[in-house]
Amino acid sequence: MHQRRHGNSPTSGAGLIAQTNRQKPTRIEPRAKTRLSGKVKLVKRKLIASSIVVATLIVGVSSLLFAQRQRTSASAASDVGNYVPASDAIAVVNVKRMLNETMPMILGGDPAKLAQANAEVDKFKTKTGIDPRSFDRVVFGMRYTYPTPKTTKIESVAIAHGTFNANGLASAVRLAANGKSREEKYRGANIIIVNINDQMKVLGLFDMHITDLAVCALDENSLALGTPENVKAAIDAGKRGRAPADLIALATRDPNAVAGFGANLSGPLLGKLDVGNDTLAKDVSSIKQAYGSVGSTQSDVIMMLVARTDSADAAKNLGDTVEGLRQLGSMFIGRMAPPRKALAESALNNLKVTTRGNELEIRTQVAAANLAALMK
């Protein structure tokens, strides 16, 4: 919905990890020994988050704070790609369940934080005229660009589907803008551009600065939200959409998930990650795609990430790397404050990893109530 610039690594959305302890020590000891010194250096330099696997755990826990009841999603994968332009990554969020089930489950033990999250949803409505509670599903299409050799920029657009009347909602946007809006015509569609210029938590959870927000009614029950350029790309994509079918399939692989994603990880993107260790950099560069989802039991949030590499050997090596990072992580948990310490311990204790061919599947689960410690 907006553009962010980052120095050496892109913001991505989402994911999670897991680990099994099935490797035989005699088999990995020589490799682990050389990796350990590099990983300690990595931790000291505070670059551990640059690793795709670890970054996905952190981002997945903090930004994909979505759990779900085990039931079949009402959204059919066949229409998920509607209006989504050509993208490098796709994320699908069931907004109804996230706001009505997940957020109350995570924040139910902290009434102040739950009230704050609901207030942020109301603030978004007041500022934009758009009520996120009227959305059934939001599909995010993201594209990577590289304006400079050391900069990655993520262009994104949100396609919101719901039971609202999109044209009526567009009128509400004009009223909420209170004169701070302009309109553009593009291929027969009317784009409303509102000057927000404020720090907001979209859907009550995602903290971002919004400058200009473009809104366009695509059909009776669909809206495009983002920058003017990215909303125009959604109009160009049309109802059939232009997003890669394989990414849509990855993002909707779990029909019961409240949130799912699929992403291509290109050479230029991974090349900008400074992981501070040549061996680790080689492992990370072998990842070609990543996908995952978030689900729950009655009390726990279950998170899954799959890294699809270029070979079975690369997947095995990546698994060894995760094991080394897991062992290092346990050394630093003791320094954390109690709420985050409990969350980190639970995530590490439940880490499980499975290698299947060229894919490394990583899972973990934590108590939903513990996730409240991540929200400010």
Protein backbone atom coordinates (compact mmCIF):
# COMPACT_ATOMS: atom_id res chain seq x y z
CA MET A 1 0.00 0.00 0.00
CA HIS A 2 3.00 2.26 0.18
CA GLN A 3 6.60 2.25 -0.84
CA ARG A 4 9.41 1.47 1.58
CA ARG A 5 13.12 1.81 1.11
CA HIS A 6 15.59 -0.43 2.83
CA GLY A 7 19.33 -0.42 2.85
CA ASN A 8 20.46 -3.95 2.29
CA SER A 9 17.41 -6.14 2.72
CA PRO A 10 13.76 -5.99 1.71
CA THR A 11 10.81 -6.19 4.07
CA SER A 12 8.83 -9.28 3.37
CA GLY A 13 6.27 -10.49 4.77
CA ALA A 14 6.05 -13.38 6.57
CA GLY A 15 6.79 -16.80 7.68
CA LEU A 16 8.09 -19.22 10.32
CA ILE A 17 10.51 -21.85 11.24
CA ALA A 18 11.05 -25.13 12.69
CA GLN A 19 13.65 -27.76 13.36
CA THR A 20 14.18 -31.41 14.14
CA ASN A 21 17.24 -32.77 15.84
CA ARG A 22 17.64 -35.76 13.59
CA GLN A 23 21.08 -34.96 12.14
CA LYS A 24 23.80 -37.28 13.41
CA PRO A 25 26.54 -35.30 15.18
CA THR A 26 29.30 -37.26 13.46
CA ARG A 27 27.78 -36.36 10.16
CA ILE A 28 27.50 -32.61 10.56
CA GLU A 29 30.24 -31.86 13.08
CA PRO A 30 32.88 -30.72 10.58
CA ARG A 31 30.36 -28.48 8.84
CA ALA A 32 28.89 -27.17 12.09
CA LYS A 33 32.32 -26.26 13.42
CA THR A 34 33.11 -23.97 10.50
CA ARG A 35 29.62 -22.50 10.56
CA LEU A 36 29.62 -21.77 14.28
CA SER A 37 32.35 -19.13 14.16
CA GLY A 38 30.63 -17.42 11.26
CA LYS A 39 27.28 -17.50 13.01
CA VAL A 40 28.68 -16.07 16.26
CA LYS A 41 30.17 -13.27 14.24
CA LEU A 42 26.82 -12.85 12.55
CA VAL A 43 25.03 -12.50 15.88
CA LYS A 44 27.57 -10.04 17.23
CA ARG A 45 27.14 -7.91 14.13
CA LYS A 46 23.38 -8.05 14.61
CA LEU A 47 22.99 -9.36 11.08
CA ILE A 48 21.26 -12.61 11.94
CA ALA A 49 17.96 -11.18 10.65
CA SER A 50 19.49 -10.95 7.21
CA SER A 51 19.21 -14.70 6.89
CA ILE A 52 16.06 -15.47 4.94
CA VAL A 53 15.12 -18.29 7.25
CA VAL A 54 15.55 -16.41 10.52
CA ALA A 55 14.10 -13.18 9.11
CA THR A 56 11.00 -15.06 8.11
CA LEU A 57 10.57 -16.37 11.67
CA ILE A 58 10.84 -12.89 13.16
CA VAL A 59 8.67 -11.19 10.56
CA GLY A 60 6.21 -14.05 10.56
CA VAL A 61 5.69 -13.92 14.31
CA SER A 62 5.53 -10.12 14.52
CA SER A 63 3.61 -9.18 11.43
CA LEU A 64 1.58 -12.25 10.53
CA LEU A 65 -0.20 -12.32 13.89
CA PHE A 66 -3.01 -14.40 12.49
CA ALA A 67 -4.53 -17.58 13.89
CA GLN A 68 -7.58 -19.45 12.65
CA ARG A 69 -10.29 -21.94 13.51
CA GLN A 70 -9.87 -25.19 11.60
CA ARG A 71 -12.45 -24.95 8.85
CA THR A 72 -12.55 -24.63 5.10
CA SER A 73 -11.91 -21.13 3.78
CA ALA A 74 -14.80 -19.56 1.94
CA SER A 75 -12.41 -18.03 -0.58
CA ALA A 76 -11.88 -20.05 -3.70
CA ALA A 77 -8.35 -20.00 -5.10
CA SER A 78 -9.81 -19.52 -8.57
CA ASP A 79 -10.63 -15.84 -7.93
CA VAL A 80 -7.76 -14.90 -5.61
CA GLY A 81 -5.77 -13.48 -8.52
CA ASN A 82 -8.51 -11.11 -9.71
CA TYR A 83 -6.99 -7.69 -10.54
CA VAL A 84 -3.61 -8.62 -9.04
CA PRO A 85 -0.86 -7.28 -11.36
CA ALA A 86 2.35 -9.10 -12.23
CA SER A 87 4.01 -9.78 -8.87
CA ASP A 88 7.09 -11.31 -7.26
CA ALA A 89 5.18 -12.19 -4.09
CA ILE A 90 1.53 -12.78 -3.15
CA ALA A 91 -0.03 -12.67 0.32
CA VAL A 92 -3.65 -13.54 1.09
CA VAL A 93 -5.36 -12.51 4.34
CA ASN A 94 -8.82 -13.51 5.54
CA VAL A 95 -9.65 -10.17 7.16
CA LYS A 96 -13.00 -11.17 8.68
CA ARG A 97 -11.48 -14.00 10.67
CA MET A 98 -8.35 -12.05 11.52
CA LEU A 99 -10.33 -9.16 13.07
CA ASN A 100 -13.16 -11.21 14.59
CA GLU A 101 -11.31 -14.32 15.79
CA THR A 102 -7.55 -13.95 15.74
CA MET A 103 -6.97 -10.49 17.14
CA PRO A 104 -9.35 -11.05 20.09
CA MET A 105 -7.75 -14.45 20.77
CA ILE A 106 -4.21 -13.02 20.83
CA LEU A 107 -5.06 -9.85 22.75
CA GLY A 108 -7.91 -11.17 24.89
CA GLY A 109 -5.66 -11.31 27.95
CA ASP A 110 -4.67 -7.65 27.57
CA PRO A 111 -7.82 -5.49 27.25
CA ALA A 112 -5.75 -2.32 26.82
CA LYS A 113 -3.92 -3.68 23.78
CA LEU A 114 -7.13 -5.07 22.30
CA ALA A 115 -8.79 -1.67 22.69
CA GLN A 116 -5.75 -0.02 21.09
CA ALA A 117 -5.87 -2.38 18.09
CA ASN A 118 -9.59 -1.70 17.60
CA ALA A 119 -8.92 2.04 17.91
CA GLU A 120 -6.35 1.77 15.11
CA VAL A 121 -8.94 0.10 12.87
CA ASP A 122 -11.31 2.98 13.64
CA LYS A 123 -8.56 5.51 12.94
CA PHE A 124 -7.98 4.02 9.51
CA LYS A 125 -11.72 4.32 8.81
CA THR A 126 -11.79 7.93 10.00
CA LYS A 127 -8.77 8.94 7.93
CA THR A 128 -9.70 7.10 4.74
CA GLY A 129 -13.45 6.48 4.86
CA ILE A 130 -12.69 2.76 4.47
CA ASP A 131 -13.80 0.33 7.17
CA PRO A 132 -11.51 -2.76 7.16
CA ARG A 133 -14.29 -4.65 8.91
CA SER A 134 -16.22 -4.61 5.63
CA PHE A 135 -13.48 -6.65 3.93
CA ASP A 136 -13.75 -10.40 3.56
CA ARG A 137 -10.32 -10.91 2.03
CA VAL A 138 -7.34 -8.81 1.01
CA VAL A 139 -4.79 -9.97 -1.55
CA PHE A 140 -1.45 -8.18 -1.61
CA GLY A 141 0.61 -8.18 -4.80
CA MET A 142 4.25 -7.18 -4.31
CA ARG A 143 6.97 -6.47 -6.84
CA TYR A 144 10.69 -5.87 -6.22
CA THR A 145 12.56 -3.04 -7.89
CA TYR A 146 16.19 -1.99 -7.53
CA PRO A 147 16.54 1.78 -7.96
CA THR A 148 20.20 1.72 -6.83
CA PRO A 149 22.79 -1.05 -6.48
CA LYS A 150 22.29 -1.15 -2.70
CA THR A 151 18.56 -0.47 -2.49
CA THR A 152 15.56 -2.78 -2.83
CA LYS A 153 12.14 -1.20 -3.15
CA ILE A 154 8.88 -3.08 -2.73
CA GLU A 155 5.95 -1.87 -4.83
CA SER A 156 2.66 -3.20 -3.47
CA VAL A 157 -1.05 -3.01 -4.12
CA ALA A 158 -3.93 -4.39 -2.04
CA ILE A 159 -7.04 -5.82 -3.68
CA ALA A 160 -9.85 -5.86 -1.11
CA HIS A 161 -12.95 -7.99 -1.63
CA GLY A 162 -16.06 -7.74 0.51
CA THR A 163 -19.79 -7.34 0.79
CA PHE A 164 -19.57 -3.56 0.56
CA ASN A 165 -20.63 -1.52 -2.41
CA ALA A 166 -17.33 -0.38 -3.85
CA ASN A 167 -18.72 2.75 -5.49
CA GLY A 168 -20.45 3.79 -2.28
CA LEU A 169 -17.24 3.21 -0.37
CA ALA A 170 -15.37 5.40 -2.83
CA SER A 171 -17.82 8.20 -2.05
CA ALA A 172 -17.09 7.75 1.65
CA VAL A 173 -13.40 8.18 0.88
CA ARG A 174 -14.10 11.58 -0.66
CA LEU A 175 -16.06 12.69 2.40
CA ALA A 176 -13.40 11.50 4.86
CA ALA A 177 -10.70 13.33 2.88
CA ASN A 178 -12.43 16.62 3.69
CA GLY A 179 -11.09 18.36 0.61
CA LYS A 180 -7.64 16.72 0.76
CA SER A 181 -8.19 14.52 -2.26
CA ARG A 182 -7.98 14.61 -6.01
CA GLU A 183 -9.32 12.37 -8.74
CA GLU A 184 -7.83 10.85 -11.87
CA LYS A 185 -9.49 9.02 -14.73
CA TYR A 186 -7.70 5.97 -16.06
CA ARG A 187 -9.07 3.60 -18.69
CA GLY A 188 -12.61 4.48 -17.71
CA ALA A 189 -11.99 4.00 -13.98
CA ASN A 190 -12.09 6.75 -11.36
CA ILE A 191 -9.11 6.83 -8.98
CA ILE A 192 -9.44 8.86 -5.77
CA ILE A 193 -6.13 9.96 -4.26
CA VAL A 194 -6.22 11.02 -0.62
CA ASN A 195 -3.42 12.83 1.19
CA ILE A 196 -3.05 10.94 4.50
CA ASN A 197 0.52 11.81 5.59
CA ASP A 198 0.26 9.95 8.88
CA GLN A 199 1.62 6.91 10.70
CA MET A 200 -1.09 4.29 10.90
CA LYS A 201 -1.64 0.64 11.76
CA VAL A 202 -3.41 -0.91 8.82
CA LEU A 203 -5.96 -3.54 9.93
CA GLY A 204 -4.98 -2.58 13.47
CA LEU A 205 -1.66 -4.48 13.20
CA PHE A 206 0.65 -3.33 10.40
CA ASP A 207 2.50 -0.13 11.29
CA MET A 208 3.31 2.02 8.26
CA HIS A 209 3.51 5.60 7.12
CA ILE A 210 0.96 6.46 4.44
CA THR A 211 1.48 9.59 2.37
CA ASP A 212 -0.93 9.42 -0.58
CA LEU A 213 -3.45 6.58 -0.74
CA ALA A 214 -5.11 5.83 -4.07
CA VAL A 215 -8.47 4.03 -4.02
CA CYS A 216 -10.39 2.69 -7.01
CA ALA A 217 -13.60 0.68 -7.30
CA LEU A 218 -12.75 -2.22 -9.62
CA ASP A 219 -16.20 -3.84 -9.58
CA GLU A 220 -19.20 -3.91 -7.24
CA ASN A 221 -17.33 -5.74 -4.49
CA SER A 222 -13.64 -5.08 -5.14
CA LEU A 223 -11.34 -2.18 -4.34
CA ALA A 224 -7.72 -1.47 -5.21
CA LEU A 225 -5.64 0.42 -2.64
CA GLY A 226 -2.05 1.60 -3.00
CA THR A 227 -0.04 4.23 -4.80
CA PRO A 228 -1.61 5.73 -7.94
CA GLU A 229 0.85 3.83 -10.15
CA ASN A 230 0.15 0.48 -8.51
CA VAL A 231 -3.61 0.99 -8.57
CA LYS A 232 -3.31 1.68 -12.30
CA ALA A 233 -1.42 -1.61 -12.62
CA ALA A 234 -4.39 -3.37 -10.98
CA ILE A 235 -6.75 -1.74 -13.46
CA ASP A 236 -4.51 -2.89 -16.32
CA ALA A 237 -4.50 -6.43 -14.92
CA GLY A 238 -8.29 -6.66 -15.16
CA LYS A 239 -10.51 -9.27 -13.60
CA ARG A 240 -8.38 -12.16 -14.87
CA GLY A 241 -5.30 -10.68 -13.21
CA ARG A 242 -1.65 -11.07 -14.21
CA ALA A 243 -0.09 -12.60 -11.09
CA PRO A 244 1.84 -15.87 -11.64
CA ALA A 245 -0.43 -18.88 -11.14
CA ASP A 246 2.25 -20.75 -9.19
CA LEU A 247 2.53 -17.99 -6.58
CA ILE A 248 -1.24 -17.90 -6.13
CA ALA A 249 -1.22 -21.67 -5.68
CA LEU A 250 1.52 -21.41 -3.05
CA ALA A 251 -0.25 -18.60 -1.17
CA THR A 252 -3.51 -20.60 -1.05
CA ARG A 253 -1.94 -24.02 -0.49
CA ASP A 254 -3.58 -24.34 2.94
CA PRO A 255 -7.34 -23.75 2.44
CA ASN A 256 -7.82 -23.36 6.21
CA ALA A 257 -5.21 -20.65 6.73
CA VAL A 258 -6.07 -17.14 7.78
CA ALA A 259 -2.90 -15.92 6.08
CA GLY A 260 -0.73 -17.46 3.38
CA PHE A 261 2.01 -16.27 1.06
CA GLY A 262 4.14 -17.34 -1.87
CA ALA A 263 7.23 -15.54 -3.15
CA ASN A 264 9.94 -15.80 -5.76
CA LEU A 265 13.40 -15.03 -4.38
CA SER A 266 15.49 -13.73 -7.25
CA GLY A 267 19.26 -13.53 -7.52
CA PRO A 268 19.31 -9.71 -7.37
CA LEU A 269 17.14 -9.78 -4.24
CA LEU A 270 19.21 -12.37 -2.37
CA GLY A 271 22.44 -10.78 -3.57
CA LYS A 272 21.66 -7.67 -1.54
CA LEU A 273 21.48 -9.60 1.74
CA ASP A 274 24.64 -9.09 3.80
CA VAL A 275 24.73 -12.22 5.94
CA GLY A 276 28.39 -11.76 6.92
CA ASN A 277 29.42 -15.34 6.12
CA ASP A 278 30.26 -16.82 2.71
CA THR A 279 28.99 -20.31 3.51
CA LEU A 280 25.72 -18.97 4.89
CA ALA A 281 25.37 -16.66 1.90
CA LYS A 282 25.72 -19.65 -0.42
CA ASP A 283 22.97 -21.51 1.44
CA VAL A 284 20.64 -18.52 1.30
CA SER A 285 21.34 -17.93 -2.40
CA SER A 286 20.11 -21.45 -3.17
CA ILE A 287 16.52 -20.50 -2.16
CA LYS A 288 14.39 -19.91 -5.26
CA GLN A 289 10.92 -19.72 -3.73
CA ALA A 290 9.38 -19.49 -0.27
CA TYR A 291 5.83 -20.06 0.85
CA GLY A 292 4.00 -20.50 4.11
CA SER A 293 0.84 -20.07 6.13
CA VAL A 294 -0.44 -19.38 9.63
CA GLY A 295 -3.03 -21.43 11.46
CA SER A 296 -4.03 -22.42 14.98
CA THR A 297 -5.42 -24.88 17.45
CA GLN A 298 -7.78 -23.69 20.16
CA SER A 299 -4.91 -22.01 22.03
CA ASP A 300 -1.76 -22.04 19.86
CA VAL A 301 -0.67 -20.28 16.71
CA ILE A 302 0.96 -22.65 14.20
CA MET A 303 3.36 -21.18 11.67
CA MET A 304 4.88 -22.88 8.65
CA LEU A 305 7.55 -21.84 6.14
CA VAL A 306 8.89 -23.80 3.20
CA ALA A 307 12.11 -22.82 1.44
CA ARG A 308 12.32 -24.30 -2.05
CA THR A 309 15.99 -24.53 -3.08
CA ASP A 310 17.77 -25.42 -6.31
CA SER A 311 18.84 -28.90 -5.14
CA ALA A 312 18.38 -31.54 -2.46
CA ASP A 313 21.93 -30.91 -1.21
CA ALA A 314 21.17 -27.21 -0.80
CA ALA A 315 18.05 -28.04 1.23
CA LYS A 316 20.12 -30.33 3.49
CA ASN A 317 22.79 -27.64 3.95
CA LEU A 318 20.11 -25.08 4.77
CA GLY A 319 18.73 -27.45 7.39
CA ASP A 320 22.17 -27.67 8.99
CA THR A 321 22.30 -23.88 9.06
CA VAL A 322 18.93 -23.66 10.80
CA GLU A 323 20.15 -26.12 13.42
CA GLY A 324 23.23 -24.01 14.13
CA LEU A 325 21.15 -20.85 14.40
CA ARG A 326 18.69 -22.60 16.71
CA GLN A 327 21.50 -23.60 19.05
CA LEU A 328 22.87 -20.05 19.05
CA GLY A 329 19.40 -18.63 19.66
CA SER A 330 19.04 -20.60 22.87
CA MET A 331 22.18 -18.86 24.17
CA PHE A 332 20.61 -15.42 23.85
CA ILE A 333 17.08 -16.10 25.09
CA GLY A 334 18.17 -15.67 28.71
CA ARG A 335 18.87 -11.99 28.06
CA MET A 336 15.31 -11.26 26.94
CA ALA A 337 12.58 -9.65 29.02
CA PRO A 338 10.10 -12.21 30.46
CA PRO A 339 7.19 -11.81 27.98
CA ARG A 340 9.41 -12.10 24.91
CA LYS A 341 11.55 -14.74 26.59
CA ALA A 342 8.54 -17.04 27.04
CA LEU A 343 7.58 -16.54 23.40
CA ALA A 344 11.11 -17.20 22.12
CA GLU A 345 11.54 -20.29 24.30
CA SER A 346 8.25 -21.71 23.09
CA ALA A 347 9.12 -21.05 19.44
CA LEU A 348 12.55 -22.66 19.77
CA ASN A 349 11.36 -25.65 21.77
CA ASN A 350 8.71 -26.40 19.15
CA LEU A 351 10.92 -25.93 16.09
CA LYS A 352 10.68 -28.85 13.69
CA VAL A 353 12.30 -29.16 10.29
CA THR A 354 11.66 -31.63 7.50
CA THR A 355 13.67 -31.94 4.31
CA ARG A 356 11.85 -33.33 1.28
CA GLY A 357 13.90 -33.32 -1.89
CA ASN A 358 14.80 -29.71 -2.64
CA GLU A 359 12.40 -28.28 -0.03
CA LEU A 360 13.03 -27.45 3.60
CA GLU A 361 9.82 -27.24 5.66
CA ILE A 362 10.06 -25.44 8.97
CA ARG A 363 7.28 -25.32 11.56
CA THR A 364 6.77 -23.97 15.04
CA GLN A 365 3.89 -23.08 17.31
CA VAL A 366 3.44 -20.74 20.25
CA ALA A 367 0.65 -19.91 22.66
CA ALA A 368 -1.56 -17.26 21.07
CA ALA A 369 -1.59 -15.20 24.26
CA ASN A 370 2.22 -14.94 24.19
CA LEU A 371 2.11 -13.13 20.86
CA ALA A 372 0.61 -10.10 22.57
CA ALA A 373 4.12 -9.33 23.89
CA LEU A 374 5.17 -8.40 20.34
CA MET A 375 2.53 -5.74 19.93
CA LYS A 376 3.30 -2.21 21.05
